[in-house]
Amino acid sequence: MRTVDEIHERLTAAFTPTVLEVEDESEMHRGHSGFREGGESHFRVVIRAPALAGMGRIARHRAIHQALGPIMTRIHALAVDAA
């Protein structure tokens, strides 16, 4: 399974979001630290979920990282836009 799909699946299960966009931005980082041929190293997530609404920014990011669990060891960079 592609990492994009795993991220989408885990965040959907954890937060039942009203908006969820997961984008592999790896190609934009070609030549930078952490880039891997074939992608799946740099991601951007936009998520809107009632479960995250009452949290501060750091708490939301921690909750997302926790929901992703072991996937985080394979990701070099994760940009998060959460509310």
N, C-alpha and C. Protein backbone atom coordinates (compact mmCIF):
# COMPACT_ATOMS: atom_id res chain seq x y z
N MET A 1 0.85 -1.18 0.00
CA MET A 1 0.00 0.00 0.00
C MET A 1 0.89 1.24 0.00
N ARG A 2 0.51 2.23 -0.78
CA ARG A 2 1.27 3.47 -0.84
C ARG A 2 1.13 4.23 0.49
N THR A 3 2.17 4.96 0.85
CA THR A 3 2.17 5.70 2.10
C THR A 3 1.04 6.73 2.13
N VAL A 4 0.77 7.38 1.01
CA VAL A 4 -0.35 8.34 0.93
C VAL A 4 -1.64 7.66 1.36
N ASP A 5 -1.88 6.46 0.88
CA ASP A 5 -3.10 5.73 1.21
C ASP A 5 -3.12 5.32 2.68
N GLU A 6 -1.97 4.92 3.21
CA GLU A 6 -1.89 4.55 4.63
C GLU A 6 -2.18 5.76 5.51
N ILE A 7 -1.61 6.90 5.17
CA ILE A 7 -1.85 8.12 5.94
C ILE A 7 -3.34 8.45 5.92
N HIS A 8 -3.93 8.42 4.74
CA HIS A 8 -5.36 8.71 4.59
C HIS A 8 -6.19 7.75 5.43
N GLU A 9 -5.89 6.49 5.35
CA GLU A 9 -6.63 5.46 6.08
C GLU A 9 -6.54 5.66 7.59
N ARG A 10 -5.33 5.88 8.10
CA ARG A 10 -5.14 6.03 9.55
C ARG A 10 -5.80 7.30 10.08
N LEU A 11 -5.68 8.41 9.35
CA LEU A 11 -6.28 9.65 9.82
C LEU A 11 -7.80 9.60 9.75
N THR A 12 -8.33 8.93 8.75
CA THR A 12 -9.78 8.76 8.65
C THR A 12 -10.29 7.93 9.83
N ALA A 13 -9.60 6.86 10.14
CA ALA A 13 -10.02 6.00 11.25
C ALA A 13 -9.93 6.72 12.60
N ALA A 14 -8.90 7.53 12.77
CA ALA A 14 -8.67 8.18 14.06
C ALA A 14 -9.57 9.39 14.29
N PHE A 15 -9.89 10.15 13.23
CA PHE A 15 -10.54 11.45 13.43
C PHE A 15 -11.86 11.65 12.69
N THR A 16 -12.25 10.75 11.80
CA THR A 16 -13.46 10.92 10.99
C THR A 16 -13.54 12.36 10.47
N PRO A 17 -12.58 12.76 9.67
CA PRO A 17 -12.51 14.16 9.24
C PRO A 17 -13.60 14.54 8.24
N THR A 18 -13.93 15.83 8.25
CA THR A 18 -14.86 16.38 7.26
C THR A 18 -14.09 16.77 6.00
N VAL A 19 -12.80 17.08 6.17
CA VAL A 19 -11.90 17.38 5.06
C VAL A 19 -10.60 16.64 5.32
N LEU A 20 -10.10 15.95 4.31
CA LEU A 20 -8.80 15.29 4.43
C LEU A 20 -8.14 15.25 3.06
N GLU A 21 -7.02 15.93 2.96
CA GLU A 21 -6.21 15.92 1.74
C GLU A 21 -4.81 15.48 2.13
N VAL A 22 -4.29 14.49 1.43
CA VAL A 22 -2.93 14.01 1.67
C VAL A 22 -2.20 14.06 0.34
N GLU A 23 -1.11 14.81 0.33
CA GLU A 23 -0.36 14.99 -0.91
C GLU A 23 1.10 14.60 -0.71
N ASP A 24 1.61 13.81 -1.63
CA ASP A 24 3.03 13.45 -1.65
C ASP A 24 3.78 14.57 -2.37
N GLU A 25 4.53 15.36 -1.62
CA GLU A 25 5.30 16.47 -2.18
C GLU A 25 6.76 16.13 -2.36
N SER A 26 7.10 14.88 -2.36
CA SER A 26 8.49 14.44 -2.39
C SER A 26 9.25 14.99 -3.59
N GLU A 27 8.63 14.99 -4.74
CA GLU A 27 9.34 15.43 -5.95
C GLU A 27 9.77 16.89 -5.84
N MET A 28 9.06 17.69 -5.08
CA MET A 28 9.42 19.09 -4.88
C MET A 28 10.71 19.23 -4.06
N HIS A 29 11.13 18.14 -3.43
CA HIS A 29 12.30 18.17 -2.55
C HIS A 29 13.49 17.40 -3.14
N ARG A 30 13.42 17.11 -4.42
CA ARG A 30 14.52 16.41 -5.09
C ARG A 30 15.82 17.18 -4.83
N GLY A 31 16.84 16.46 -4.39
CA GLY A 31 18.13 17.07 -4.10
C GLY A 31 18.27 17.56 -2.67
N HIS A 32 17.19 17.53 -1.91
CA HIS A 32 17.22 17.96 -0.52
C HIS A 32 17.37 16.75 0.41
N SER A 33 17.67 17.02 1.63
CA SER A 33 17.82 15.99 2.65
C SER A 33 16.55 15.14 2.74
N GLY A 34 16.71 13.86 2.85
CA GLY A 34 15.59 12.95 3.04
C GLY A 34 14.88 12.53 1.77
N PHE A 35 15.20 13.12 0.63
CA PHE A 35 14.54 12.73 -0.61
C PHE A 35 14.91 11.30 -0.97
N ARG A 36 13.91 10.54 -1.39
CA ARG A 36 14.12 9.18 -1.87
C ARG A 36 13.56 9.07 -3.27
N GLU A 37 14.30 8.41 -4.13
CA GLU A 37 13.82 8.15 -5.49
C GLU A 37 12.51 7.37 -5.38
N GLY A 38 11.52 7.79 -6.11
CA GLY A 38 10.21 7.13 -6.04
C GLY A 38 9.25 7.83 -5.10
N GLY A 39 9.73 8.85 -4.39
CA GLY A 39 8.85 9.63 -3.52
C GLY A 39 8.61 9.00 -2.17
N GLU A 40 7.47 9.33 -1.62
CA GLU A 40 7.03 8.84 -0.32
C GLU A 40 7.96 9.23 0.82
N SER A 41 8.46 10.47 0.78
CA SER A 41 9.31 10.96 1.87
C SER A 41 8.81 12.28 2.46
N HIS A 42 8.13 13.10 1.66
CA HIS A 42 7.66 14.41 2.08
C HIS A 42 6.16 14.52 1.80
N PHE A 43 5.38 14.83 2.83
CA PHE A 43 3.93 14.86 2.68
C PHE A 43 3.33 16.14 3.25
N ARG A 44 2.18 16.51 2.71
CA ARG A 44 1.37 17.62 3.23
C ARG A 44 -0.01 17.06 3.52
N VAL A 45 -0.52 17.37 4.71
CA VAL A 45 -1.85 16.93 5.13
C VAL A 45 -2.68 18.16 5.49
N VAL A 46 -3.88 18.23 4.93
CA VAL A 46 -4.88 19.21 5.33
C VAL A 46 -6.01 18.40 5.93
N ILE A 47 -6.34 18.69 7.18
CA ILE A 47 -7.37 17.92 7.87
C ILE A 47 -8.25 18.85 8.69
N ARG A 48 -9.55 18.62 8.60
CA ARG A 48 -10.54 19.32 9.41
C ARG A 48 -11.39 18.23 10.05
N ALA A 49 -11.42 18.25 11.38
CA ALA A 49 -12.17 17.22 12.09
C ALA A 49 -12.66 17.77 13.42
N PRO A 50 -13.90 17.50 13.78
CA PRO A 50 -14.41 17.95 15.07
C PRO A 50 -13.53 17.49 16.24
N ALA A 51 -12.95 16.32 16.13
CA ALA A 51 -12.11 15.79 17.21
C ALA A 51 -10.87 16.65 17.45
N LEU A 52 -10.43 17.40 16.45
CA LEU A 52 -9.24 18.24 16.59
C LEU A 52 -9.59 19.69 16.93
N ALA A 53 -10.84 20.07 16.79
CA ALA A 53 -11.25 21.47 16.89
C ALA A 53 -10.93 22.12 18.24
N GLY A 54 -11.03 21.41 19.32
CA GLY A 54 -10.80 22.01 20.63
C GLY A 54 -9.36 21.98 21.08
N MET A 55 -8.46 21.50 20.26
CA MET A 55 -7.06 21.36 20.64
C MET A 55 -6.23 22.54 20.15
N GLY A 56 -5.14 22.82 20.86
CA GLY A 56 -4.17 23.78 20.39
C GLY A 56 -3.36 23.18 19.25
N ARG A 57 -2.58 24.01 18.58
CA ARG A 57 -1.82 23.56 17.41
C ARG A 57 -0.88 22.40 17.74
N ILE A 58 -0.15 22.49 18.82
CA ILE A 58 0.80 21.43 19.16
C ILE A 58 0.07 20.15 19.51
N ALA A 59 -1.03 20.26 20.24
CA ALA A 59 -1.81 19.07 20.59
C ALA A 59 -2.37 18.39 19.34
N ARG A 60 -2.83 19.20 18.36
CA ARG A 60 -3.34 18.61 17.11
C ARG A 60 -2.23 17.86 16.39
N HIS A 61 -1.05 18.46 16.30
CA HIS A 61 0.07 17.81 15.61
C HIS A 61 0.46 16.52 16.33
N ARG A 62 0.50 16.56 17.65
CA ARG A 62 0.83 15.34 18.41
C ARG A 62 -0.19 14.24 18.18
N ALA A 63 -1.47 14.61 18.16
CA ALA A 63 -2.53 13.62 17.93
C ALA A 63 -2.40 13.00 16.54
N ILE A 64 -2.07 13.81 15.55
CA ILE A 64 -1.89 13.31 14.18
C ILE A 64 -0.69 12.39 14.11
N HIS A 65 0.42 12.79 14.71
CA HIS A 65 1.62 11.94 14.71
C HIS A 65 1.32 10.62 15.41
N GLN A 66 0.59 10.66 16.53
CA GLN A 66 0.24 9.44 17.24
C GLN A 66 -0.65 8.54 16.39
N ALA A 67 -1.60 9.13 15.69
CA ALA A 67 -2.49 8.34 14.83
C ALA A 67 -1.72 7.67 13.69
N LEU A 68 -0.69 8.34 13.19
CA LEU A 68 0.11 7.77 12.10
C LEU A 68 1.05 6.68 12.59
N GLY A 69 1.41 6.73 13.86
CA GLY A 69 2.22 5.67 14.49
C GLY A 69 3.46 5.30 13.72
N PRO A 70 3.62 4.03 13.35
CA PRO A 70 4.85 3.55 12.73
C PRO A 70 5.14 4.15 11.36
N ILE A 71 4.13 4.75 10.72
CA ILE A 71 4.36 5.39 9.43
C ILE A 71 5.36 6.54 9.59
N MET A 72 5.35 7.18 10.73
CA MET A 72 6.22 8.34 10.96
C MET A 72 7.70 7.99 10.82
N THR A 73 8.08 6.76 11.04
CA THR A 73 9.50 6.37 10.89
C THR A 73 9.93 6.34 9.43
N ARG A 74 8.95 6.28 8.51
CA ARG A 74 9.26 6.24 7.07
C ARG A 74 9.16 7.61 6.41
N ILE A 75 8.64 8.59 7.12
CA ILE A 75 8.42 9.92 6.57
C ILE A 75 9.55 10.84 7.00
N HIS A 76 10.10 11.57 6.04
CA HIS A 76 11.14 12.55 6.36
C HIS A 76 10.51 13.87 6.81
N ALA A 77 9.45 14.31 6.16
CA ALA A 77 8.82 15.58 6.48
C ALA A 77 7.30 15.48 6.33
N LEU A 78 6.59 16.07 7.30
CA LEU A 78 5.14 16.08 7.28
C LEU A 78 4.66 17.49 7.61
N ALA A 79 4.09 18.17 6.63
CA ALA A 79 3.50 19.48 6.84
C ALA A 79 2.03 19.27 7.16
N VAL A 80 1.57 19.90 8.24
CA VAL A 80 0.19 19.67 8.71
C VAL A 80 -0.55 21.00 8.79
N ASP A 81 -1.72 21.03 8.17
CA ASP A 81 -2.67 22.13 8.30
C ASP A 81 -3.92 21.51 8.92
N ALA A 82 -4.09 21.70 10.23
CA ALA A 82 -5.17 21.01 10.94
C ALA A 82 -6.03 21.98 11.70
N ALA A 83 -7.30 21.65 11.77
CA ALA A 83 -8.26 22.42 12.59
C ALA A 83 -9.40 21.52 12.98
